[in-house]
Amino acid sequence: MMRFENKVWLCSPTMHGDETKYVTEPYETNWMSTVGKNINEVERLVAKKIGCKYAVALSAGTAFKMTPNQQESIIQTIRNCFA
């Protein structure tokens, strides 16, 4: 079995502020999709934070095929953004 050299640790979700509003809004507006104003805003904020023109929100890391070098680059970028 291969040892994982780089790990992205997960944490328990917390619902302290507007999180509940953002989770229930798609149900209430019947807008359960992969597009919408909240997703657009998350993509805009991430692109601004990492200094690129565009960002794409994915449902999971496996939703986009990339090389191991690309994966490592993305992981490092995420670490730098939220460190």
PDB file of N, CA and C in Angstrom:
ATOM      1  N   MET A   1       0.843  -1.178   0.000  1.00  0.00           N
ATOM      2  CA  MET A   1       0.000   0.000   0.000  1.00  0.00           C
ATOM      3  C   MET A   1       0.892   1.246   0.000  1.00  0.00           C
ATOM      4  N   MET A   2       0.533   2.231  -0.835  1.00  0.00           N
ATOM      5  CA  MET A   2       1.299   3.470  -0.894  1.00  0.00           C
ATOM      6  C   MET A   2       0.989   4.371   0.297  1.00  0.00           C
ATOM      7  N   ARG A   3       2.012   4.990   0.803  1.00  0.00           N
ATOM      8  CA  ARG A   3       1.852   5.950   1.881  1.00  0.00           C
ATOM      9  C   ARG A   3       1.481   7.308   1.281  1.00  0.00           C
ATOM     10  N   PHE A   4       0.561   8.005   1.911  1.00  0.00           N
ATOM     11  CA  PHE A   4       0.179   9.335   1.460  1.00  0.00           C
ATOM     12  C   PHE A   4       1.171  10.344   2.015  1.00  0.00           C
ATOM     13  N   GLU A   5       1.936  10.963   1.137  1.00  0.00           N
ATOM     14  CA  GLU A   5       2.921  11.961   1.568  1.00  0.00           C
ATOM     15  C   GLU A   5       2.260  13.295   1.884  1.00  0.00           C
ATOM     16  N   ASN A   6       1.287  13.672   1.080  1.00  0.00           N
ATOM     17  CA  ASN A   6       0.580  14.933   1.292  1.00  0.00           C
ATOM     18  C   ASN A   6      -0.864  14.635   1.667  1.00  0.00           C
ATOM     19  N   LYS A   7      -1.308  15.231   2.720  1.00  0.00           N
ATOM     20  CA  LYS A   7      -2.674  15.003   3.176  1.00  0.00           C
ATOM     21  C   LYS A   7      -3.419  16.321   3.232  1.00  0.00           C
ATOM     22  N   VAL A   8      -4.684  16.289   2.882  1.00  0.00           N
ATOM     23  CA  VAL A   8      -5.564  17.424   3.070  1.00  0.00           C
ATOM     24  C   VAL A   8      -6.559  16.985   4.129  1.00  0.00           C
ATOM     25  N   TRP A   9      -6.405  17.501   5.324  1.00  0.00           N
ATOM     26  CA  TRP A   9      -7.237  17.091   6.444  1.00  0.00           C
ATOM     27  C   TRP A   9      -8.619  17.723   6.347  1.00  0.00           C
ATOM     28  N   LEU A  10      -9.613  16.963   6.679  1.00  0.00           N
ATOM     29  CA  LEU A  10     -10.983  17.456   6.699  1.00  0.00           C
ATOM     30  C   LEU A  10     -11.362  17.818   8.123  1.00  0.00           C
ATOM     31  N   CYS A  11     -12.317  18.704   8.252  1.00  0.00           N
ATOM     32  CA  CYS A  11     -12.774  19.075   9.590  1.00  0.00           C
ATOM     33  C   CYS A  11     -14.297  18.973   9.638  1.00  0.00           C
ATOM     34  N   SER A  12     -14.827  18.961  10.829  1.00  0.00           N
ATOM     35  CA  SER A  12     -16.272  18.906  11.001  1.00  0.00           C
ATOM     36  C   SER A  12     -16.894  20.216  10.535  1.00  0.00           C
ATOM     37  N   PRO A  13     -18.049  20.149   9.883  1.00  0.00           N
ATOM     38  CA  PRO A  13     -18.694  21.387   9.461  1.00  0.00           C
ATOM     39  C   PRO A  13     -19.208  22.175  10.669  1.00  0.00           C
ATOM     40  N   THR A  14     -19.186  23.466  10.538  1.00  0.00           N
ATOM     41  CA  THR A  14     -19.730  24.327  11.585  1.00  0.00           C
ATOM     42  C   THR A  14     -20.785  25.238  10.976  1.00  0.00           C
ATOM     43  N   MET A  15     -21.821  25.489  11.711  1.00  0.00           N
ATOM     44  CA  MET A  15     -22.925  26.328  11.248  1.00  0.00           C
ATOM     45  C   MET A  15     -23.152  27.424  12.280  1.00  0.00           C
ATOM     46  N   HIS A  16     -22.362  28.496  12.180  1.00  0.00           N
ATOM     47  CA  HIS A  16     -22.443  29.560  13.164  1.00  0.00           C
ATOM     48  C   HIS A  16     -23.128  30.825  12.669  1.00  0.00           C
ATOM     49  N   GLY A  17     -23.106  31.059  11.388  1.00  0.00           N
ATOM     50  CA  GLY A  17     -23.630  32.317  10.878  1.00  0.00           C
ATOM     51  C   GLY A  17     -24.614  32.097   9.755  1.00  0.00           C
ATOM     52  N   ASP A  18     -24.257  32.609   8.584  1.00  0.00           N
ATOM     53  CA  ASP A  18     -25.147  32.532   7.425  1.00  0.00           C
ATOM     54  C   ASP A  18     -25.131  31.172   6.732  1.00  0.00           C
ATOM     55  N   GLU A  19     -24.367  30.219   7.247  1.00  0.00           N
ATOM     56  CA  GLU A  19     -24.261  28.921   6.584  1.00  0.00           C
ATOM     57  C   GLU A  19     -25.626  28.272   6.387  1.00  0.00           C
ATOM     58  N   THR A  20     -26.459  28.289   7.424  1.00  0.00           N
ATOM     59  CA  THR A  20     -27.783  27.668   7.333  1.00  0.00           C
ATOM     60  C   THR A  20     -28.613  28.341   6.242  1.00  0.00           C
ATOM     61  N   LYS A  21     -28.514  29.651   6.148  1.00  0.00           N
ATOM     62  CA  LYS A  21     -29.247  30.388   5.114  1.00  0.00           C
ATOM     63  C   LYS A  21     -28.804  29.935   3.728  1.00  0.00           C
ATOM     64  N   TYR A  22     -27.491  29.794   3.528  1.00  0.00           N
ATOM     65  CA  TYR A  22     -26.988  29.415   2.216  1.00  0.00           C
ATOM     66  C   TYR A  22     -27.299  27.968   1.860  1.00  0.00           C
ATOM     67  N   VAL A  23     -27.437  27.129   2.871  1.00  0.00           N
ATOM     68  CA  VAL A  23     -27.773  25.732   2.615  1.00  0.00           C
ATOM     69  C   VAL A  23     -29.266  25.579   2.309  1.00  0.00           C
ATOM     70  N   THR A  24     -30.118  26.325   2.994  1.00  0.00           N
ATOM     71  CA  THR A  24     -31.566  26.189   2.786  1.00  0.00           C
ATOM     72  C   THR A  24     -32.088  26.981   1.596  1.00  0.00           C
ATOM     73  N   GLU A  25     -31.396  28.041   1.214  1.00  0.00           N
ATOM     74  CA  GLU A  25     -31.866  28.876   0.100  1.00  0.00           C
ATOM     75  C   GLU A  25     -32.109  28.094  -1.190  1.00  0.00           C
ATOM     76  N   PRO A  26     -31.200  27.199  -1.615  1.00  0.00           N
ATOM     77  CA  PRO A  26     -31.470  26.440  -2.851  1.00  0.00           C
ATOM     78  C   PRO A  26     -32.729  25.580  -2.766  1.00  0.00           C
ATOM     79  N   TYR A  27     -33.013  25.034  -1.589  1.00  0.00           N
ATOM     80  CA  TYR A  27     -34.235  24.245  -1.434  1.00  0.00           C
ATOM     81  C   TYR A  27     -35.466  25.127  -1.554  1.00  0.00           C
ATOM     82  N   GLU A  28     -35.438  26.251  -0.878  1.00  0.00           N
ATOM     83  CA  GLU A  28     -36.593  27.141  -0.856  1.00  0.00           C
ATOM     84  C   GLU A  28     -36.874  27.774  -2.215  1.00  0.00           C
ATOM     85  N   THR A  29     -35.839  28.001  -3.005  1.00  0.00           N
ATOM     86  CA  THR A  29     -36.012  28.639  -4.314  1.00  0.00           C
ATOM     87  C   THR A  29     -36.060  27.621  -5.454  1.00  0.00           C
ATOM     88  N   ASN A  30     -35.984  26.322  -5.106  1.00  0.00           N
ATOM     89  CA  ASN A  30     -35.985  25.258  -6.104  1.00  0.00           C
ATOM     90  C   ASN A  30     -34.847  25.448  -7.110  1.00  0.00           C
ATOM     91  N   TRP A  31     -33.679  25.816  -6.597  1.00  0.00           N
ATOM     92  CA  TRP A  31     -32.524  26.077  -7.452  1.00  0.00           C
ATOM     93  C   TRP A  31     -31.379  25.158  -7.043  1.00  0.00           C
ATOM     94  N   MET A  32     -31.627  23.847  -7.113  1.00  0.00           N
ATOM     95  CA  MET A  32     -30.601  22.853  -6.809  1.00  0.00           C
ATOM     96  C   MET A  32     -29.871  22.546  -8.101  1.00  0.00           C
ATOM     97  N   SER A  33     -28.708  23.115  -8.258  1.00  0.00           N
ATOM     98  CA  SER A  33     -27.991  22.992  -9.513  1.00  0.00           C
ATOM     99  C   SER A  33     -26.506  23.183  -9.279  1.00  0.00           C
ATOM    100  N   THR A  34     -25.756  23.098 -10.341  1.00  0.00           N
ATOM    101  CA  THR A  34     -24.321  23.347 -10.266  1.00  0.00           C
ATOM    102  C   THR A  34     -23.986  24.783 -10.635  1.00  0.00           C
ATOM    103  N   VAL A  35     -25.006  25.606 -10.772  1.00  0.00           N
ATOM    104  CA  VAL A  35     -24.817  27.025 -11.080  1.00  0.00           C
ATOM    105  C   VAL A  35     -25.700  27.851 -10.152  1.00  0.00           C
ATOM    106  N   GLY A  36     -25.443  29.113 -10.088  1.00  0.00           N
ATOM    107  CA  GLY A  36     -26.258  30.006  -9.277  1.00  0.00           C
ATOM    108  C   GLY A  36     -25.421  31.100  -8.672  1.00  0.00           C
ATOM    109  N   LYS A  37     -26.106  32.068  -8.073  1.00  0.00           N
ATOM    110  CA  LYS A  37     -25.398  33.251  -7.578  1.00  0.00           C
ATOM    111  C   LYS A  37     -24.407  32.925  -6.469  1.00  0.00           C
ATOM    112  N   ASN A  38     -24.709  31.980  -5.598  1.00  0.00           N
ATOM    113  CA  ASN A  38     -23.774  31.651  -4.522  1.00  0.00           C
ATOM    114  C   ASN A  38     -22.520  30.970  -5.056  1.00  0.00           C
ATOM    115  N   ILE A  39     -22.690  30.066  -6.011  1.00  0.00           N
ATOM    116  CA  ILE A  39     -21.530  29.403  -6.610  1.00  0.00           C
ATOM    117  C   ILE A  39     -20.692  30.412  -7.376  1.00  0.00           C
ATOM    118  N   ASN A  40     -21.343  31.286  -8.112  1.00  0.00           N
ATOM    119  CA  ASN A  40     -20.614  32.330  -8.839  1.00  0.00           C
ATOM    120  C   ASN A  40     -19.796  33.188  -7.881  1.00  0.00           C
ATOM    121  N   GLU A  41     -20.369  33.509  -6.734  1.00  0.00           N
ATOM    122  CA  GLU A  41     -19.671  34.355  -5.768  1.00  0.00           C
ATOM    123  C   GLU A  41     -18.480  33.621  -5.151  1.00  0.00           C
ATOM    124  N   VAL A  42     -18.634  32.345  -4.835  1.00  0.00           N
ATOM    125  CA  VAL A  42     -17.518  31.562  -4.295  1.00  0.00           C
ATOM    126  C   VAL A  42     -16.386  31.505  -5.313  1.00  0.00           C
ATOM    127  N   GLU A  43     -16.721  31.250  -6.568  1.00  0.00           N
ATOM    128  CA  GLU A  43     -15.697  31.198  -7.611  1.00  0.00           C
ATOM    129  C   GLU A  43     -14.994  32.546  -7.753  1.00  0.00           C
ATOM    130  N   ARG A  44     -15.748  33.634  -7.699  1.00  0.00           N
ATOM    131  CA  ARG A  44     -15.160  34.968  -7.811  1.00  0.00           C
ATOM    132  C   ARG A  44     -14.212  35.249  -6.656  1.00  0.00           C
ATOM    133  N   LEU A  45     -14.645  34.922  -5.430  1.00  0.00           N
ATOM    134  CA  LEU A  45     -13.810  35.165  -4.255  1.00  0.00           C
ATOM    135  C   LEU A  45     -12.530  34.333  -4.275  1.00  0.00           C
ATOM    136  N   VAL A  46     -12.638  33.072  -4.680  1.00  0.00           N
ATOM    137  CA  VAL A  46     -11.452  32.209  -4.738  1.00  0.00           C
ATOM    138  C   VAL A  46     -10.481  32.734  -5.793  1.00  0.00           C
ATOM    139  N   ALA A  47     -10.990  33.099  -6.963  1.00  0.00           N
ATOM    140  CA  ALA A  47     -10.119  33.631  -8.017  1.00  0.00           C
ATOM    141  C   ALA A  47      -9.410  34.891  -7.534  1.00  0.00           C
ATOM    142  N   LYS A  48     -10.133  35.757  -6.857  1.00  0.00           N
ATOM    143  CA  LYS A  48      -9.531  36.985  -6.328  1.00  0.00           C
ATOM    144  C   LYS A  48      -8.472  36.661  -5.283  1.00  0.00           C
ATOM    145  N   LYS A  49      -8.775  35.722  -4.407  1.00  0.00           N
ATOM    146  CA  LYS A  49      -7.866  35.360  -3.326  1.00  0.00           C
ATOM    147  C   LYS A  49      -6.551  34.790  -3.853  1.00  0.00           C
ATOM    148  N   ILE A  50      -6.627  33.932  -4.868  1.00  0.00           N
ATOM    149  CA  ILE A  50      -5.396  33.311  -5.367  1.00  0.00           C
ATOM    150  C   ILE A  50      -4.771  34.095  -6.514  1.00  0.00           C
ATOM    151  N   GLY A  51      -5.440  35.169  -6.929  1.00  0.00           N
ATOM    152  CA  GLY A  51      -4.851  36.043  -7.933  1.00  0.00           C
ATOM    153  C   GLY A  51      -4.916  35.528  -9.349  1.00  0.00           C
ATOM    154  N   CYS A  52      -6.006  34.853  -9.699  1.00  0.00           N
ATOM    155  CA  CYS A  52      -6.167  34.408 -11.074  1.00  0.00           C
ATOM    156  C   CYS A  52      -7.462  34.976 -11.636  1.00  0.00           C
ATOM    157  N   LYS A  53      -7.659  34.823 -12.923  1.00  0.00           N
ATOM    158  CA  LYS A  53      -8.823  35.415 -13.572  1.00  0.00           C
ATOM    159  C   LYS A  53     -10.101  34.625 -13.282  1.00  0.00           C
ATOM    160  N   TYR A  54      -9.998  33.299 -13.228  1.00  0.00           N
ATOM    161  CA  TYR A  54     -11.180  32.457 -13.038  1.00  0.00           C
ATOM    162  C   TYR A  54     -10.907  31.355 -12.020  1.00  0.00           C
ATOM    163  N   ALA A  55     -11.967  30.876 -11.403  1.00  0.00           N
ATOM    164  CA  ALA A  55     -11.925  29.689 -10.551  1.00  0.00           C
ATOM    165  C   ALA A  55     -13.187  28.885 -10.848  1.00  0.00           C
ATOM    166  N   VAL A  56     -13.101  27.584 -10.698  1.00  0.00           N
ATOM    167  CA  VAL A  56     -14.249  26.723 -10.948  1.00  0.00           C
ATOM    168  C   VAL A  56     -14.504  25.879  -9.716  1.00  0.00           C
ATOM    169  N   ALA A  57     -15.706  25.969  -9.185  1.00  0.00           N
ATOM    170  CA  ALA A  57     -16.100  25.151  -8.037  1.00  0.00           C
ATOM    171  C   ALA A  57     -16.511  23.774  -8.546  1.00  0.00           C
ATOM    172  N   LEU A  58     -15.965  22.742  -7.939  1.00  0.00           N
ATOM    173  CA  LEU A  58     -16.288  21.369  -8.313  1.00  0.00           C
ATOM    174  C   LEU A  58     -16.955  20.669  -7.145  1.00  0.00           C
ATOM    175  N   SER A  59     -17.752  19.662  -7.442  1.00  0.00           N
ATOM    176  CA  SER A  59     -18.436  18.928  -6.382  1.00  0.00           C
ATOM    177  C   SER A  59     -17.474  18.057  -5.585  1.00  0.00           C
ATOM    178  N   ALA A  60     -16.369  17.673  -6.204  1.00  0.00           N
ATOM    179  CA  ALA A  60     -15.366  16.848  -5.536  1.00  0.00           C
ATOM    180  C   ALA A  60     -14.057  16.964  -6.293  1.00  0.00           C
ATOM    181  N   GLY A  61     -12.966  16.639  -5.633  1.00  0.00           N
ATOM    182  CA  GLY A  61     -11.665  16.691  -6.276  1.00  0.00           C
ATOM    183  C   GLY A  61     -11.534  15.725  -7.432  1.00  0.00           C
ATOM    184  N   THR A  62     -12.388  14.710  -7.478  1.00  0.00           N
ATOM    185  CA  THR A  62     -12.333  13.735  -8.562  1.00  0.00           C
ATOM    186  C   THR A  62     -13.165  14.169  -9.761  1.00  0.00           C
ATOM    187  N   ALA A  63     -13.814  15.334  -9.659  1.00  0.00           N
ATOM    188  CA  ALA A  63     -14.674  15.791 -10.753  1.00  0.00           C
ATOM    189  C   ALA A  63     -13.877  16.336 -11.932  1.00  0.00           C
ATOM    190  N   PHE A  64     -12.585  16.491 -11.764  1.00  0.00           N
ATOM    191  CA  PHE A  64     -11.738  17.057 -12.817  1.00  0.00           C
ATOM    192  C   PHE A  64     -10.467  16.249 -12.897  1.00  0.00           C
ATOM    193  N   LYS A  65     -10.168  15.716 -14.065  1.00  0.00           N
ATOM    194  CA  LYS A  65      -8.947  14.923 -14.217  1.00  0.00           C
ATOM    195  C   LYS A  65      -7.751  15.851 -14.392  1.00  0.00           C
ATOM    196  N   MET A  66      -6.676  15.526 -13.688  1.00  0.00           N
ATOM    197  CA  MET A  66      -5.454  16.310 -13.804  1.00  0.00           C
ATOM    198  C   MET A  66      -4.266  15.422 -13.484  1.00  0.00           C
ATOM    199  N   THR A  67      -3.100  15.877 -13.862  1.00  0.00           N
ATOM    200  CA  THR A  67      -1.878  15.123 -13.608  1.00  0.00           C
ATOM    201  C   THR A  67      -1.502  15.265 -12.135  1.00  0.00           C
ATOM    202  N   PRO A  68      -0.663  14.371 -11.613  1.00  0.00           N
ATOM    203  CA  PRO A  68      -0.197  14.504 -10.227  1.00  0.00           C
ATOM    204  C   PRO A  68       0.484  15.850  -9.956  1.00  0.00           C
ATOM    205  N   ASN A  69       1.239  16.372 -10.947  1.00  0.00           N
ATOM    206  CA  ASN A  69       1.876  17.682 -10.761  1.00  0.00           C
ATOM    207  C   ASN A  69       0.841  18.789 -10.631  1.00  0.00           C
ATOM    208  N   GLN A  70      -0.224  18.714 -11.426  1.00  0.00           N
ATOM    209  CA  GLN A  70      -1.293  19.706 -11.330  1.00  0.00           C
ATOM    210  C   GLN A  70      -1.991  19.592  -9.980  1.00  0.00           C
ATOM    211  N   GLN A  71      -2.226  18.367  -9.519  1.00  0.00           N
ATOM    212  CA  GLN A  71      -2.862  18.165  -8.223  1.00  0.00           C
ATOM    213  C   GLN A  71      -2.023  18.781  -7.110  1.00  0.00           C
ATOM    214  N   GLU A  72      -0.734  18.539  -7.135  1.00  0.00           N
ATOM    215  CA  GLU A  72       0.155  19.073  -6.105  1.00  0.00           C
ATOM    216  C   GLU A  72       0.174  20.599  -6.149  1.00  0.00           C
ATOM    217  N   SER A  73       0.165  21.164  -7.335  1.00  0.00           N
ATOM    218  CA  SER A  73       0.146  22.614  -7.485  1.00  0.00           C
ATOM    219  C   SER A  73      -1.127  23.203  -6.887  1.00  0.00           C
ATOM    220  N   ILE A  74      -2.250  22.556  -7.143  1.00  0.00           N
ATOM    221  CA  ILE A  74      -3.529  23.037  -6.603  1.00  0.00           C
ATOM    222  C   ILE A  74      -3.548  22.901  -5.093  1.00  0.00           C
ATOM    223  N   ILE A  75      -3.087  21.772  -4.576  1.00  0.00           N
ATOM    224  CA  ILE A  75      -3.055  21.576  -3.128  1.00  0.00           C
ATOM    225  C   ILE A  75      -2.190  22.633  -2.463  1.00  0.00           C
ATOM    226  N   GLN A  76      -1.033  22.922  -3.044  1.00  0.00           N
ATOM    227  CA  GLN A  76      -0.141  23.936  -2.483  1.00  0.00           C
ATOM    228  C   GLN A  76      -0.784  25.317  -2.525  1.00  0.00           C
ATOM    229  N   THR A  77      -1.479  25.625  -3.604  1.00  0.00           N
ATOM    230  CA  THR A  77      -2.170  26.917  -3.725  1.00  0.00           C
ATOM    231  C   THR A  77      -3.235  27.045  -2.655  1.00  0.00           C
ATOM    232  N   ILE A  78      -4.002  25.981  -2.441  1.00  0.00           N
ATOM    233  CA  ILE A  78      -5.055  26.006  -1.422  1.00  0.00           C
ATOM    234  C   ILE A  78      -4.424  26.205  -0.033  1.00  0.00           C
ATOM    235  N   ARG A  79      -3.350  25.490   0.232  1.00  0.00           N
ATOM    236  CA  ARG A  79      -2.675  25.661   1.531  1.00  0.00           C
ATOM    237  C   ARG A  79      -2.215  27.108   1.727  1.00  0.00           C
ATOM    238  N   ASN A  80      -1.655  27.702   0.683  1.00  0.00           N
ATOM    239  CA  ASN A  80      -1.168  29.077   0.791  1.00  0.00           C
ATOM    240  C   ASN A  80      -2.316  30.062   1.008  1.00  0.00           C
ATOM    241  N   CYS A  81      -3.451  29.804   0.392  1.00  0.00           N
ATOM    242  CA  CYS A  81      -4.592  30.717   0.514  1.00  0.00           C
ATOM    243  C   CYS A  81      -5.202  30.707   1.902  1.00  0.00           C
ATOM    244  N   PHE A  82      -5.271  29.547   2.495  1.00  0.00           N
ATOM    245  CA  PHE A  82      -5.993  29.433   3.749  1.00  0.00           C
ATOM    246  C   PHE A  82      -5.084  29.213   4.953  1.00  0.00           C
ATOM    247  N   ALA A  83      -3.811  29.450   4.770  1.00  0.00           N
ATOM    248  CA  ALA A  83      -2.865  29.289   5.871  1.00  0.00           C
ATOM    249  C   ALA A  83      -2.890  30.517   6.773  1.00  0.00           C
TER     250      ALA A  83
END
